[in-house]
C-alpha atoms as a PDB file:
ATOM      1  CA  UNK A   1     124.103 101.753  62.623  1.00  0.00           C
ATOM      2  CA  UNK A   2     123.382  98.442  62.790  1.00  0.00           C
ATOM      3  CA  UNK A   3     126.632  97.886  65.125  1.00  0.00           C
ATOM      4  CA  UNK A   4     124.728 100.378  67.465  1.00  0.00           C
ATOM      5  CA  UNK A   5     121.628  98.460  67.002  1.00  0.00           C
ATOM      6  CA  UNK A   6     122.892  94.965  67.480  1.00  0.00           C
ATOM      7  CA  UNK A   7     124.894  96.807  71.146  1.00  0.00           C
ATOM      8  CA  UNK A   8     121.417  97.834  72.345  1.00  0.00           C
ATOM      9  CA  UNK A   9     119.723  94.428  71.285  1.00  0.00           C
ATOM     10  CA  UNK A  10     122.774  92.906  73.557  1.00  0.00           C
ATOM     11  CA  UNK A  11     122.557  95.040  76.359  1.00  0.00           C
ATOM     12  CA  UNK A  12     118.582  94.514  76.801  1.00  0.00           C
ATOM     13  CA  UNK A  13     118.981  90.434  76.203  1.00  0.00           C
ATOM     14  CA  UNK A  14     121.766  90.750  79.361  1.00  0.00           C
ATOM     15  CA  UNK A  15     119.077  92.384  81.336  1.00  0.00           C
ATOM     16  CA  UNK A  16     120.908  95.785  81.610  1.00  0.00           C
ATOM     17  CA  UNK A  17     118.053  97.718  79.900  1.00  0.00           C
ATOM     18  CA  UNK A  18     115.621  95.877  82.074  1.00  0.00           C
ATOM     19  CA  UNK A  19     116.150  97.157  85.626  1.00  0.00           C
ATOM     20  CA  UNK A  20     112.924  97.325  87.514  1.00  0.00           C
ATOM     21  CA  UNK A  21     113.041  99.925  90.062  1.00  0.00           C
ATOM     22  CA  UNK A  22     111.287  99.028  92.995  1.00  0.00           C
ATOM     23  CA  UNK A  23     108.182 101.374  94.244  1.00  0.00           C
ATOM     24  CA  UNK A  24     108.976 103.799  96.446  1.00  0.00           C
ATOM     25  CA  UNK A  25     106.457 102.655  99.397  1.00  0.00           C
ATOM     26  CA  UNK A  26     106.711 106.151 101.288  1.00  0.00           C
ATOM     27  CA  UNK A  27     105.011 107.667  98.273  1.00  0.00           C
ATOM     28  CA  UNK A  28     101.822 104.854  98.015  1.00  0.00           C
ATOM     29  CA  UNK A  29     101.754 105.006 101.524  1.00  0.00           C
ATOM     30  CA  UNK A  30     100.979 108.097 101.273  1.00  0.00           C
ATOM     31  CA  UNK A  31      98.260 107.554  99.054  1.00  0.00           C
ATOM     32  CA  UNK A  32      96.319 105.715 102.168  1.00  0.00           C
ATOM     33  CA  UNK A  33      93.331 108.159 103.061  1.00  0.00           C
ATOM     34  CA  UNK A  34      92.174 108.011 106.689  1.00  0.00           C
ATOM     35  CA  UNK A  35      88.318 108.225 108.203  1.00  0.00           C
ATOM     36  CA  UNK A  36      87.309 108.907 111.401  1.00  0.00           C
ATOM     37  CA  UNK A  37      85.037 105.888 112.687  1.00  0.00           C
ATOM     38  CA  UNK A  38      83.452 105.151 115.764  1.00  0.00           C
ATOM     39  CA  UNK A  39      84.761 102.404 117.512  1.00  0.00           C
ATOM     40  CA  UNK A  40      81.833 100.883 119.736  1.00  0.00           C
ATOM     41  CA  UNK A  41      84.232  98.585 121.930  1.00  0.00           C
ATOM     42  CA  UNK A  42      86.237 101.931 123.364  1.00  0.00           C
ATOM     43  CA  UNK A  43      83.406 104.534 122.780  1.00  0.00           C
ATOM     44  CA  UNK A  44      85.877 106.818 120.820  1.00  0.00           C
ATOM     45  CA  UNK A  45      86.877 107.973 117.455  1.00  0.00           C
ATOM     46  CA  UNK A  46      89.604 106.254 115.388  1.00  0.00           C
ATOM     47  CA  UNK A  47      91.306 107.012 112.350  1.00  0.00           C
ATOM     48  CA  UNK A  48      90.502 103.883 109.920  1.00  0.00           C
ATOM     49  CA  UNK A  49      92.561 103.334 106.818  1.00  0.00           C
ATOM     50  CA  UNK A  50      91.269 103.271 103.571  1.00  0.00           C
ATOM     51  CA  UNK A  51      94.228 101.689 101.333  1.00  0.00           C
ATOM     52  CA  UNK A  52      94.809 102.778  97.786  1.00  0.00           C
ATOM     53  CA  UNK A  53      94.614  99.915  95.015  1.00  0.00           C
ATOM     54  CA  UNK A  54      98.066 100.466  93.994  1.00  0.00           C
ATOM     55  CA  UNK A  55      99.269  99.355  97.576  1.00  0.00           C
ATOM     56  CA  UNK A  56      96.508  96.704  97.868  1.00  0.00           C
ATOM     57  CA  UNK A  57      98.420  94.907  95.270  1.00  0.00           C
ATOM     58  CA  UNK A  58     101.739  94.484  97.096  1.00  0.00           C
ATOM     59  CA  UNK A  59     100.047  93.123 100.265  1.00  0.00           C
ATOM     60  CA  UNK A  60     101.642  89.507 100.787  1.00  0.00           C
ATOM     61  CA  UNK A  61     104.680  90.464  98.611  1.00  0.00           C
ATOM     62  CA  UNK A  62     108.423  91.433  99.793  1.00  0.00           C
ATOM     63  CA  UNK A  63     108.804  94.924 100.060  1.00  0.00           C
ATOM     64  CA  UNK A  64     111.705  97.177 101.177  1.00  0.00           C
ATOM     65  CA  UNK A  65     111.763 100.621 102.865  1.00  0.00           C
ATOM     66  CA  UNK A  66     114.534 102.996 104.177  1.00  0.00           C
ATOM     67  CA  UNK A  67     113.478 105.225 107.269  1.00  0.00           C
ATOM     68  CA  UNK A  68     114.350 106.845 110.209  1.00  0.00           C
ATOM     69  CA  UNK A  69     114.667 104.045 113.683  1.00  0.00           C
ATOM     70  CA  UNK A  70     112.248 104.965 116.102  1.00  0.00           C
ATOM     71  CA  UNK A  71     112.295 103.347 119.735  1.00  0.00           C
ATOM     72  CA  UNK A  72     109.046 102.210 121.203  1.00  0.00           C
ATOM     73  CA  UNK A  73     109.879  99.752 123.481  1.00  0.00           C
ATOM     74  CA  UNK A  74     113.737  99.269 124.360  1.00  0.00           C
ATOM     75  CA  UNK A  75     112.803  95.762 125.605  1.00  0.00           C
ATOM     76  CA  UNK A  76     111.362  94.598 122.287  1.00  0.00           C
ATOM     77  CA  UNK A  77     114.086  94.498 120.223  1.00  0.00           C
ATOM     78  CA  UNK A  78     112.530  91.998 117.847  1.00  0.00           C
ATOM     79  CA  UNK A  79     110.125  94.554 116.404  1.00  0.00           C
ATOM     80  CA  UNK A  80     111.936  97.894 114.524  1.00  0.00           C
ATOM     81  CA  UNK A  81     109.106 100.769 113.445  1.00  0.00           C
ATOM     82  CA  UNK A  82     110.388 103.144 111.101  1.00  0.00           C
ATOM     83  CA  UNK A  83     109.389 106.912 110.182  1.00  0.00           C
ATOM     84  CA  UNK A  84     109.837 108.652 106.765  1.00  0.00           C
ATOM     85  CA  UNK A  85     111.424 111.613 109.336  1.00  0.00           C
ATOM     86  CA  UNK A  86     113.043 112.085 112.144  1.00  0.00           C
ATOM     87  CA  UNK A  87     111.893 111.431 115.480  1.00  0.00           C
ATOM     88  CA  UNK A  88     110.878 115.651 116.434  1.00  0.00           C
ATOM     89  CA  UNK A  89     108.902 114.697 113.099  1.00  0.00           C
ATOM     90  CA  UNK A  90     107.491 111.629 113.458  1.00  0.00           C
ATOM     91  CA  UNK A  91     103.903 110.706 114.015  1.00  0.00           C
ATOM     92  CA  UNK A  92     103.757 110.240 117.460  1.00  0.00           C
ATOM     93  CA  UNK A  93     105.817 113.849 118.149  1.00  0.00           C
ATOM     94  CA  UNK A  94     105.283 115.782 115.159  1.00  0.00           C
ATOM     95  CA  UNK A  95     102.689 116.367 113.203  1.00  0.00           C
ATOM     96  CA  UNK A  96     103.478 113.707 110.561  1.00  0.00           C
ATOM     97  CA  UNK A  97     100.584 111.114 109.650  1.00  0.00           C
ATOM     98  CA  UNK A  98      99.873 107.619 110.321  1.00  0.00           C
ATOM     99  CA  UNK A  99     100.979 107.351 106.896  1.00  0.00           C
ATOM    100  CA  UNK A 100     104.383 107.584 107.550  1.00  0.00           C
ATOM    101  CA  UNK A 101     105.044 104.849 110.088  1.00  0.00           C
ATOM    102  CA  UNK A 102     105.861 101.074 109.361  1.00  0.00           C
ATOM    103  CA  UNK A 103     106.170  98.627 112.021  1.00  0.00           C
ATOM    104  CA  UNK A 104     108.739  95.279 111.159  1.00  0.00           C
ATOM    105  CA  UNK A 105     108.367  92.137 113.103  1.00  0.00           C
ATOM    106  CA  UNK A 106     112.091  91.003 112.438  1.00  0.00           C
ATOM    107  CA  UNK A 107     113.434  87.626 112.042  1.00  0.00           C
ATOM    108  CA  UNK A 108     116.004  87.746 114.155  1.00  0.00           C
ATOM    109  CA  UNK A 109     117.138  90.306 116.579  1.00  0.00           C
ATOM    110  CA  UNK A 110     119.657  93.068 115.330  1.00  0.00           C
ATOM    111  CA  UNK A 111     123.570  92.032 115.744  1.00  0.00           C
ATOM    112  CA  UNK A 112     124.056  95.395 116.077  1.00  0.00           C
ATOM    113  CA  UNK A 113     122.158  98.186 118.632  1.00  0.00           C
ATOM    114  CA  UNK A 114     120.602 100.622 116.638  1.00  0.00           C
ATOM    115  CA  UNK A 115     120.149 104.217 117.600  1.00  0.00           C
ATOM    116  CA  UNK A 116     117.528 106.856 117.141  1.00  0.00           C
ATOM    117  CA  UNK A 117     116.966 108.280 114.084  1.00  0.00           C
ATOM    118  CA  UNK A 118     119.365 106.062 112.304  1.00  0.00           C
ATOM    119  CA  UNK A 119     118.901 105.381 109.014  1.00  0.00           C
ATOM    120  CA  UNK A 120     118.019 101.599 108.366  1.00  0.00           C
ATOM    121  CA  UNK A 121     116.323  99.654 105.585  1.00  0.00           C
ATOM    122  CA  UNK A 122     114.147  96.779 106.232  1.00  0.00           C
ATOM    123  CA  UNK A 123     112.789  94.108 103.707  1.00  0.00           C
ATOM    124  CA  UNK A 124     109.736  92.031 104.638  1.00  0.00           C
ATOM    125  CA  UNK A 125     106.508  90.936 103.696  1.00  0.00           C
ATOM    126  CA  UNK A 126     103.839  93.735 103.748  1.00  0.00           C
ATOM    127  CA  UNK A 127     100.586  93.291 105.490  1.00  0.00           C
ATOM    128  CA  UNK A 128      97.893  96.431 105.518  1.00  0.00           C
ATOM    129  CA  UNK A 129      95.690  96.664 109.149  1.00  0.00           C
ATOM    130  CA  UNK A 130      92.901  98.519 108.764  1.00  0.00           C
ATOM    131  CA  UNK A 131      91.020  96.805 111.454  1.00  0.00           C
ATOM    132  CA  UNK A 132      93.034  96.044 114.481  1.00  0.00           C
ATOM    133  CA  UNK A 133      93.443  99.475 116.654  1.00  0.00           C
ATOM    134  CA  UNK A 134      96.351  98.317 118.518  1.00  0.00           C
ATOM    135  CA  UNK A 135      98.580  97.666 115.587  1.00  0.00           C
ATOM    136  CA  UNK A 136      99.990  99.875 113.069  1.00  0.00           C
ATOM    137  CA  UNK A 137      98.200 100.118 109.551  1.00  0.00           C
ATOM    138  CA  UNK A 138     101.704  99.603 107.620  1.00  0.00           C
ATOM    139  CA  UNK A 139     103.732  96.117 108.583  1.00  0.00           C
ATOM    140  CA  UNK A 140     106.654  94.010 107.493  1.00  0.00           C
ATOM    141  CA  UNK A 141     106.292  90.247 108.589  1.00  0.00           C
ATOM    142  CA  UNK A 142     109.213  88.019 108.376  1.00  0.00           C
ATOM    143  CA  UNK A 143     111.386  91.139 108.421  1.00  0.00           C
ATOM    144  CA  UNK A 144     115.166  91.764 108.084  1.00  0.00           C
ATOM    145  CA  UNK A 145     117.345  94.728 108.127  1.00  0.00           C
ATOM    146  CA  UNK A 146     119.131  94.601 105.194  1.00  0.00           C
ATOM    147  CA  UNK A 147     121.353  98.261 105.533  1.00  0.00           C
END
């Protein structure tokens, strides 16, 4: 019994038991609520996000997300949009909400051509946008494709 206890303590001291799982970013994004408000500049109603406290704690921190690549503008290759869902079901084409897409501004252009619905992982600093209607709500800055 003492030997087992010693092995468990050794494993924890080596960090084997101290692995911290990264938060599921899609799950956190889905906690965002949206309210319809009049934008006086455009004279139209838009959905504005209300971010959860848990998500606000991640702002400015490095996060990663895996999703389906959605091309928006083929000439802008330093920008990538990821969706929780494939293209046919994404926010732009299907019935998903704005909490299911993330835009990433890449540090450097991808070395290979990324295909529609290719599953990729991107890491970057999370920026939350609740004011600029010309930008997505969830932004990864200084991002890089890691998979």
